[in-house]
Amino acid sequence: MDLHRPLGTRARAVVDAAAAAALTGLAALAAWDVLPAGTPSTSPVGAGPRPADWAMVAVAAVAAPLARRRPVAVLSAVLALAALSAGTAASPAPWAAVAVALHPVPRALPGRVSGALLAAALAVAVLCRAGVLRWPWARPELGGPAAALTVVLILVTGWTAGSAADQRRRRRIEDERSRLREERLLIARELHDVVAHSLGVIAVQAGVANHVAEQQPEQARLALASIEETSRTALDEMRALLGVLRTGTDDDRLPAPRLSELDEVIRRAAAAGVRVELELLGERRELPPGLELAGYRVVQEAVTNVVRHAGTDRCRVLVDYRPDALALTVSDEGRGGSPDGGGHGLAGMRERVAVHGGELRAGRRAGRGFEVAAVFPLAVAR
């Protein structure tokens, strides 16, 4: 079985380095304030980045990897530096550095805290860039409403990108958990089907052997031989299933049983004292392996319940190959009580049938006995 694992430590380090390089590159691009051709060199903005711009590019390079580990501390430090350089940096580079520090905040902190930090960063940025907060060394021509709007867009972009990345990460985690739940459920079903069926037959045969040991020793020996064979088969299936769990592959797993192999179920039931009448309707044909396995397990579980709970020596199995569906029915004329005994048999059968878009009914018959009926629509079988 193939389990998709999260990124390892080394892969995560590579991703962090790539993100740091990309975000630092954006900060450097923001720092490079190129004037249109013909702009006088005496322009208050100047023809390129100033030392304060490059200093904030360096801050962005340092902040990118550190912000994942200490998001609040790094954001606070970068925001303070950006505010102090607001009146001297000619470009939005200081606020691009803040955007770099904001990027990991949605992943590291709860939603409300993350949103509050974004609001605080936006407030500081707008007050500084619009010229409301002005330091003695600030240059008035470097601020204004347009500059404030620019930094708002930069900060929101950084935070939004981080939030989107966090949502993708959460979806991957949830998908992984969902796969694990499905695999655990599959393992539980297989264990139940293998163990419950075999132990049911063994219990009945052990009771027979104990009952006739003195008066009919030959019949007791036959019952013990059946117990030995059933237990060996169950052990082989268990080893195969455990081998899959250890190796993570299906290479050592026994072939999944199919409906054409119901004779084995019938033989084991007969050894336990229940004669099974098998009736086939329609043209038998190969179905998807998953559907074949589900159908086999439903019949196996239903027959096992007859052996263990019905108190009768016969039951009937009907396999109906319809043009658009596979219908399975297992009925008996026993006590008619619930064969599940409070366990997981019927629940497991319903889950197997539901996976293939089918429906399962189980209950007392109108006269006497119990009936399990499952219908698998072939249009959605998988």
Protein backbone atom coordinates (compact mmCIF):
# COMPACT_ATOMS: atom_id res chain seq x y z
CA MET A 1 0.00 0.00 0.00
CA ASP A 2 1.26 3.41 -0.92
CA LEU A 3 1.20 6.05 1.82
CA HIS A 4 1.95 9.59 0.69
CA ARG A 5 4.23 11.11 3.31
CA PRO A 6 4.75 14.80 4.14
CA LEU A 7 7.86 16.60 3.01
CA GLY A 8 10.96 15.57 4.95
CA THR A 9 13.25 17.95 6.81
CA ARG A 10 15.73 18.21 3.93
CA ALA A 11 13.02 18.81 1.33
CA ARG A 12 11.40 21.43 3.57
CA ALA A 13 14.78 23.21 3.89
CA VAL A 14 15.06 23.32 0.10
CA VAL A 15 11.55 24.77 -0.17
CA ASP A 16 12.35 27.39 2.48
CA ALA A 17 15.55 28.37 0.65
CA ALA A 18 13.71 28.70 -2.65
CA ALA A 19 10.98 30.81 -1.06
CA ALA A 20 13.59 33.01 0.61
CA ALA A 21 15.40 33.54 -2.69
CA ALA A 22 12.19 34.35 -4.56
CA LEU A 23 10.91 36.80 -1.96
CA THR A 24 14.30 38.47 -1.60
CA GLY A 25 14.41 38.86 -5.35
CA LEU A 26 11.07 40.62 -5.26
CA ALA A 27 12.34 42.95 -2.55
CA ALA A 28 15.40 43.74 -4.66
CA LEU A 29 13.17 44.42 -7.64
CA ALA A 30 11.10 46.78 -5.52
CA ALA A 31 14.27 48.56 -4.44
CA TRP A 32 15.34 49.37 -7.98
CA ASP A 33 13.49 52.60 -8.75
CA VAL A 34 14.24 53.27 -12.41
CA LEU A 35 13.23 56.71 -13.71
CA PRO A 36 11.73 57.16 -17.18
CA ALA A 37 14.02 58.48 -19.86
CA GLY A 38 14.51 62.23 -19.65
CA THR A 39 13.84 62.55 -15.94
CA PRO A 40 16.17 65.12 -14.41
CA SER A 41 18.86 63.79 -12.16
CA THR A 42 17.76 66.34 -9.60
CA SER A 43 14.46 64.49 -9.12
CA PRO A 44 13.70 64.06 -5.43
CA VAL A 45 13.33 60.34 -5.91
CA GLY A 46 16.61 59.79 -7.72
CA ALA A 47 17.61 57.32 -10.39
CA GLY A 48 18.14 54.22 -8.30
CA PRO A 49 18.01 52.64 -4.88
CA ARG A 50 19.51 54.31 -1.86
CA PRO A 51 21.47 52.57 0.92
CA ALA A 52 18.29 52.28 3.00
CA ASP A 53 16.66 50.31 0.18
CA TRP A 54 19.54 47.85 -0.08
CA ALA A 55 19.64 47.52 3.69
CA MET A 56 16.01 46.40 3.69
CA VAL A 57 16.73 43.94 0.88
CA ALA A 58 19.34 42.39 3.16
CA VAL A 59 16.79 42.36 5.98
CA ALA A 60 14.34 40.53 3.70
CA ALA A 61 17.00 37.91 2.89
CA VAL A 62 17.59 37.28 6.59
CA ALA A 63 13.91 37.44 7.54
CA ALA A 64 12.68 34.86 5.02
CA PRO A 65 14.17 31.75 6.71
CA LEU A 66 13.89 33.08 10.28
CA ALA A 67 10.24 34.13 10.05
CA ARG A 68 9.07 30.51 9.87
CA ARG A 69 10.55 29.82 13.30
CA ARG A 70 9.92 33.14 15.08
CA PRO A 71 7.15 34.84 13.10
CA VAL A 72 6.07 37.44 15.67
CA ALA A 73 9.58 38.48 16.68
CA VAL A 74 10.83 38.70 13.10
CA LEU A 75 7.75 40.59 11.90
CA SER A 76 8.03 43.06 14.78
CA ALA A 77 11.72 43.70 14.07
CA VAL A 78 11.28 44.09 10.31
CA LEU A 79 8.23 46.31 10.77
CA ALA A 80 10.16 48.58 13.14
CA LEU A 81 13.06 48.85 10.68
CA ALA A 82 10.66 49.57 7.82
CA ALA A 83 8.96 52.31 9.84
CA LEU A 84 12.30 53.91 10.72
CA SER A 85 13.42 53.88 7.08
CA ALA A 86 10.08 55.03 5.72
CA GLY A 87 11.22 58.61 5.14
CA THR A 88 14.63 57.75 3.69
CA ALA A 89 14.08 54.74 1.41
CA ALA A 90 13.15 55.80 -2.09
CA SER A 91 11.33 52.57 -2.98
CA PRO A 92 8.82 50.16 -1.40
CA ALA A 93 11.70 47.80 -0.52
CA PRO A 94 11.23 48.20 3.28
CA TRP A 95 7.60 47.13 2.97
CA ALA A 96 8.51 44.30 0.64
CA ALA A 97 10.70 43.08 3.50
CA VAL A 98 7.65 43.31 5.79
CA ALA A 99 5.67 41.28 3.23
CA VAL A 100 8.42 38.63 3.39
CA ALA A 101 8.04 38.52 7.18
CA LEU A 102 4.22 38.36 6.87
CA HIS A 103 4.27 35.38 4.49
CA PRO A 104 4.69 32.60 7.13
CA VAL A 105 2.38 34.25 9.70
CA PRO A 106 -0.89 32.54 8.53
CA ARG A 107 0.77 29.14 8.81
CA ALA A 108 2.40 29.69 12.19
CA LEU A 109 -0.43 31.44 14.05
CA PRO A 110 -4.20 31.09 14.51
CA GLY A 111 -6.43 32.96 12.09
CA ARG A 112 -7.43 35.80 14.42
CA VAL A 113 -3.88 36.44 15.58
CA SER A 114 -2.62 36.33 12.01
CA GLY A 115 -5.28 38.79 10.89
CA ALA A 116 -4.52 41.10 13.81
CA LEU A 117 -0.82 41.17 12.89
CA LEU A 118 -1.69 41.99 9.28
CA ALA A 119 -3.94 44.84 10.45
CA ALA A 120 -1.21 46.20 12.72
CA ALA A 121 1.36 46.05 9.90
CA LEU A 122 -1.03 47.80 7.54
CA ALA A 123 -1.74 50.53 10.09
CA VAL A 124 1.97 51.23 10.65
CA ALA A 125 2.68 51.15 6.92
CA VAL A 126 -0.14 53.55 6.00
CA LEU A 127 0.69 56.01 8.78
CA CYS A 128 4.37 56.03 7.83
CA ARG A 129 4.00 56.02 4.05
CA ALA A 130 1.22 58.57 4.00
CA GLY A 131 3.34 60.96 6.05
CA VAL A 132 1.16 60.95 9.17
CA LEU A 133 4.06 59.60 11.20
CA ARG A 134 7.15 61.53 10.19
CA TRP A 135 10.62 61.24 11.59
CA PRO A 136 12.99 64.25 11.77
CA TRP A 137 15.12 62.72 9.04
CA ALA A 138 12.18 61.90 6.77
CA ARG A 139 11.85 63.44 3.30
CA PRO A 140 8.29 64.62 2.67
CA GLU A 141 8.45 63.99 -1.06
CA LEU A 142 8.82 60.25 -0.48
CA GLY A 143 5.34 59.88 1.07
CA GLY A 144 1.73 60.46 0.09
CA PRO A 145 -1.54 58.60 -0.59
CA ALA A 146 -0.22 56.81 -3.68
CA ALA A 147 2.78 55.52 -1.76
CA ALA A 148 0.49 54.37 1.06
CA LEU A 149 -1.72 52.46 -1.39
CA THR A 150 1.34 50.78 -2.88
CA VAL A 151 2.55 49.41 0.43
CA VAL A 152 -0.96 48.23 1.33
CA LEU A 153 -1.00 46.15 -1.85
CA ILE A 154 2.47 44.79 -1.11
CA LEU A 155 1.64 43.72 2.45
CA VAL A 156 -1.73 42.21 1.56
CA THR A 157 -0.09 40.27 -1.27
CA GLY A 158 2.54 38.81 1.05
CA TRP A 159 0.01 37.80 3.69
CA THR A 160 -2.46 36.41 1.13
CA ALA A 161 0.24 34.31 -0.52
CA GLY A 162 1.17 32.88 2.87
CA SER A 163 -2.48 32.17 3.67
CA ALA A 164 -2.98 30.37 0.35
CA ALA A 165 0.14 28.27 0.97
CA ASP A 166 -1.15 27.37 4.44
CA GLN A 167 -4.52 26.32 3.06
CA ARG A 168 -2.81 24.08 0.50
CA ARG A 169 -0.73 22.55 3.28
CA ARG A 170 -3.83 21.91 5.38
CA ARG A 171 -5.57 20.25 2.44
CA ARG A 172 -2.57 17.99 1.91
CA ILE A 173 -2.59 17.03 5.59
CA GLU A 174 -6.32 16.33 5.53
CA ASP A 175 -5.95 14.26 2.36
CA GLU A 176 -3.19 12.27 4.05
CA ARG A 177 -5.35 11.70 7.13
CA SER A 178 -8.24 10.65 4.94
CA ARG A 179 -6.04 8.13 3.12
CA LEU A 180 -4.81 6.76 6.44
CA ARG A 181 -8.39 6.43 7.73
CA GLU A 182 -9.40 4.57 4.57
CA GLU A 183 -6.44 2.22 4.84
CA ARG A 184 -7.11 1.53 8.51
CA LEU A 185 -10.72 0.78 7.65
CA LEU A 186 -9.60 -1.55 4.86
CA ILE A 187 -7.23 -3.35 7.22
CA ALA A 188 -9.96 -3.66 9.84
CA ARG A 189 -12.36 -5.12 7.29
CA GLU A 190 -9.80 -7.63 6.02
CA LEU A 191 -8.85 -8.70 9.55
CA HIS A 192 -12.49 -9.09 10.51
CA ASP A 193 -13.30 -11.09 7.38
CA VAL A 194 -10.32 -13.42 7.78
CA VAL A 195 -10.51 -13.89 11.55
CA ALA A 196 -14.26 -13.89 12.11
CA HIS A 197 -15.02 -16.38 9.37
CA SER A 198 -12.25 -18.79 10.35
CA LEU A 199 -12.89 -18.56 14.08
CA GLY A 200 -16.59 -19.09 13.52
CA VAL A 201 -15.93 -22.35 11.68
CA ILE A 202 -13.30 -23.41 14.22
CA ALA A 203 -15.65 -22.75 17.13
CA VAL A 204 -18.42 -24.85 15.60
CA GLN A 205 -16.06 -27.68 14.71
CA ALA A 206 -14.47 -27.63 18.16
CA GLY A 207 -17.92 -27.94 19.69
CA VAL A 208 -18.72 -30.90 17.43
CA ALA A 209 -15.43 -32.60 18.26
CA ASN A 210 -15.99 -32.14 21.99
CA HIS A 211 -19.54 -33.45 21.76
CA VAL A 212 -18.80 -36.64 19.82
CA ALA A 213 -15.25 -37.35 21.04
CA GLU A 214 -16.24 -40.43 23.05
CA GLN A 215 -19.15 -41.90 21.09
CA GLN A 216 -18.01 -41.05 17.54
CA PRO A 217 -14.22 -40.64 17.54
CA GLU A 218 -14.03 -40.77 13.74
CA GLN A 219 -16.33 -37.77 13.38
CA ALA A 220 -14.31 -36.00 16.06
CA ARG A 221 -11.14 -36.61 14.05
CA LEU A 222 -12.80 -35.15 10.96
CA ALA A 223 -13.81 -32.07 12.93
CA LEU A 224 -10.26 -31.66 14.24
CA ALA A 225 -8.87 -32.04 10.71
CA SER A 226 -11.23 -29.31 9.55
CA ILE A 227 -10.07 -27.09 12.41
CA GLU A 228 -6.45 -27.67 11.41
CA GLU A 229 -7.07 -26.82 7.76
CA THR A 230 -9.17 -23.75 8.54
CA SER A 231 -6.61 -22.40 10.99
CA ARG A 232 -3.74 -22.95 8.51
CA THR A 233 -5.63 -21.09 5.79
CA ALA A 234 -6.42 -18.24 8.16
CA LEU A 235 -2.76 -18.04 9.22
CA ASP A 236 -1.65 -17.85 5.58
CA GLU A 237 -4.08 -15.00 4.93
CA MET A 238 -3.01 -13.22 8.11
CA ARG A 239 0.68 -13.53 7.21
CA ALA A 240 -0.01 -12.12 3.76
CA LEU A 241 -1.93 -9.20 5.22
CA LEU A 242 0.75 -8.49 7.83
CA GLY A 243 3.37 -8.72 5.11
CA VAL A 244 1.62 -5.91 3.26
CA LEU A 245 1.63 -3.81 6.42
CA ARG A 246 5.36 -4.39 7.00
CA THR A 247 6.58 -3.79 3.45
CA GLY A 248 4.04 -1.22 2.29
CA THR A 249 3.57 -3.12 -1.01
CA ASP A 250 1.15 -5.71 -2.32
CA ASP A 251 3.88 -8.00 -3.72
CA ASP A 252 3.56 -10.64 -0.98
CA ARG A 253 -0.18 -10.47 -0.69
CA LEU A 254 -2.28 -13.47 -1.66
CA PRO A 255 -4.55 -12.90 -4.68
CA ALA A 256 -7.82 -11.31 -3.63
CA PRO A 257 -10.65 -13.88 -3.59
CA ARG A 258 -13.30 -13.64 -6.28
CA LEU A 259 -16.91 -14.72 -6.61
CA SER A 260 -15.81 -17.70 -8.69
CA GLU A 261 -14.11 -19.03 -5.53
CA LEU A 262 -17.26 -19.23 -3.39
CA ASP A 263 -16.86 -23.01 -3.39
CA GLU A 264 -14.29 -22.57 -0.62
CA VAL A 265 -16.84 -20.72 1.53
CA ILE A 266 -19.38 -23.46 0.82
CA ARG A 267 -16.89 -26.18 1.71
CA ARG A 268 -15.97 -24.57 5.04
CA ALA A 269 -19.63 -24.07 5.92
CA ALA A 270 -20.34 -27.71 5.11
CA ALA A 271 -17.47 -28.77 7.37
CA ALA A 272 -19.15 -26.75 10.13
CA GLY A 273 -22.48 -28.54 9.53
CA VAL A 274 -24.28 -26.02 7.30
CA ARG A 275 -25.11 -27.03 3.74
CA VAL A 276 -25.06 -24.09 1.32
CA GLU A 277 -27.12 -24.13 -1.85
CA LEU A 278 -25.49 -21.87 -4.47
CA GLU A 279 -27.62 -20.61 -7.34
CA LEU A 280 -26.25 -18.52 -10.22
CA LEU A 281 -28.51 -16.38 -12.41
CA GLY A 282 -27.48 -14.56 -15.54
CA GLU A 283 -24.21 -14.90 -17.40
CA ARG A 284 -21.19 -15.11 -15.10
CA ARG A 285 -18.53 -12.59 -16.13
CA GLU A 286 -15.37 -11.02 -14.80
CA LEU A 287 -16.00 -7.91 -12.72
CA PRO A 288 -13.55 -5.31 -11.38
CA PRO A 289 -11.27 -6.89 -8.73
CA GLY A 290 -12.51 -4.55 -6.00
CA LEU A 291 -16.12 -5.49 -6.70
CA GLU A 292 -15.27 -9.19 -6.85
CA LEU A 293 -13.59 -8.95 -3.44
CA ALA A 294 -16.47 -6.97 -1.91
CA GLY A 295 -19.04 -9.46 -3.21
CA TYR A 296 -17.01 -12.43 -1.96
CA ARG A 297 -16.61 -10.89 1.50
CA VAL A 298 -20.32 -10.09 1.78
CA VAL A 299 -21.27 -13.69 0.99
CA GLN A 300 -18.54 -15.01 3.28
CA GLU A 301 -19.65 -12.86 6.20
CA ALA A 302 -23.33 -13.65 5.70
CA VAL A 303 -22.65 -17.42 5.53
CA THR A 304 -20.41 -17.19 8.61
CA ASN A 305 -23.26 -15.50 10.48
CA VAL A 306 -25.55 -18.37 9.50
CA VAL A 307 -23.02 -20.89 10.82
CA ARG A 308 -22.54 -19.01 14.09
CA HIS A 309 -25.98 -17.64 14.89
CA ALA A 310 -28.84 -19.02 12.80
CA GLY A 311 -29.18 -22.42 14.46
CA THR A 312 -29.91 -24.15 11.14
CA ASP A 313 -28.14 -26.68 8.96
CA ARG A 314 -28.78 -25.07 5.58
CA CYS A 315 -28.81 -21.74 3.78
CA ARG A 316 -29.16 -20.44 0.23
CA VAL A 317 -26.83 -18.16 -1.71
CA LEU A 318 -28.09 -16.45 -4.86
CA VAL A 319 -25.64 -14.68 -7.21
CA ASP A 320 -27.53 -12.73 -9.88
CA TYR A 321 -25.48 -11.26 -12.74
CA ARG A 322 -27.87 -8.62 -14.06
CA PRO A 323 -27.07 -6.42 -17.08
CA ASP A 324 -26.58 -3.33 -14.91
CA ALA A 325 -25.98 -4.74 -11.44
CA LEU A 326 -24.69 -7.60 -9.33
CA ALA A 327 -27.22 -8.84 -6.77
CA LEU A 328 -26.24 -11.13 -3.91
CA THR A 329 -28.67 -12.77 -1.49
CA VAL A 330 -27.93 -15.05 1.46
CA SER A 331 -30.97 -16.44 3.28
CA ASP A 332 -31.66 -19.09 5.87
CA GLU A 333 -34.57 -20.56 7.80
CA GLY A 334 -33.01 -20.34 11.22
CA ARG A 335 -33.96 -18.39 14.31
CA GLY A 336 -34.26 -15.11 12.45
CA GLY A 337 -32.45 -13.00 15.02
CA SER A 338 -29.79 -10.45 14.16
CA PRO A 339 -26.70 -12.40 13.13
CA ASP A 340 -24.38 -9.58 14.02
CA GLY A 341 -24.34 -10.25 17.72
CA GLY A 342 -23.42 -6.64 18.44
CA GLY A 343 -20.24 -6.92 16.35
CA HIS A 344 -19.05 -5.26 13.17
CA GLY A 345 -20.19 -7.81 10.58
CA LEU A 346 -23.22 -6.01 9.17
CA ALA A 347 -21.54 -2.61 9.50
CA GLY A 348 -18.54 -3.92 7.57
CA MET A 349 -20.76 -5.35 4.85
CA ARG A 350 -22.64 -2.07 4.49
CA GLU A 351 -19.38 -0.15 4.20
CA ARG A 352 -18.06 -2.51 1.54
CA VAL A 353 -21.24 -2.21 -0.48
CA ALA A 354 -21.43 1.57 -0.06
CA VAL A 355 -17.89 2.01 -1.37
CA HIS A 356 -19.13 0.67 -4.70
CA GLY A 357 -22.30 2.77 -4.70
CA GLY A 358 -24.50 -0.15 -3.74
CA GLU A 359 -27.12 -0.90 -1.11
CA LEU A 360 -27.38 -3.64 1.51
CA ARG A 361 -30.49 -4.82 3.31
CA ALA A 362 -30.47 -7.24 6.23
CA GLY A 363 -33.33 -8.42 8.43
CA ARG A 364 -35.83 -11.10 9.36
CA ARG A 365 -37.68 -12.82 6.58
CA ALA A 366 -41.46 -12.75 6.41
CA GLY A 367 -41.78 -16.34 7.52
CA ARG A 368 -38.78 -17.67 9.34
CA GLY A 369 -35.09 -16.96 9.11
CA PHE A 370 -32.84 -14.10 8.14
CA GLU A 371 -31.81 -12.59 4.82
CA VAL A 372 -28.92 -10.42 3.63
CA ALA A 373 -29.30 -8.82 0.19
CA ALA A 374 -26.72 -6.61 -1.53
CA VAL A 375 -26.96 -4.87 -4.90
CA PHE A 376 -23.88 -3.43 -6.61
CA PRO A 377 -24.66 -1.14 -9.57
CA LEU A 378 -22.13 -1.97 -12.27
CA ALA A 379 -22.20 1.53 -13.75
CA VAL A 380 -20.31 2.92 -10.73
CA ALA A 381 -18.47 -0.23 -9.65
CA ARG A 382 -14.76 0.30 -8.99
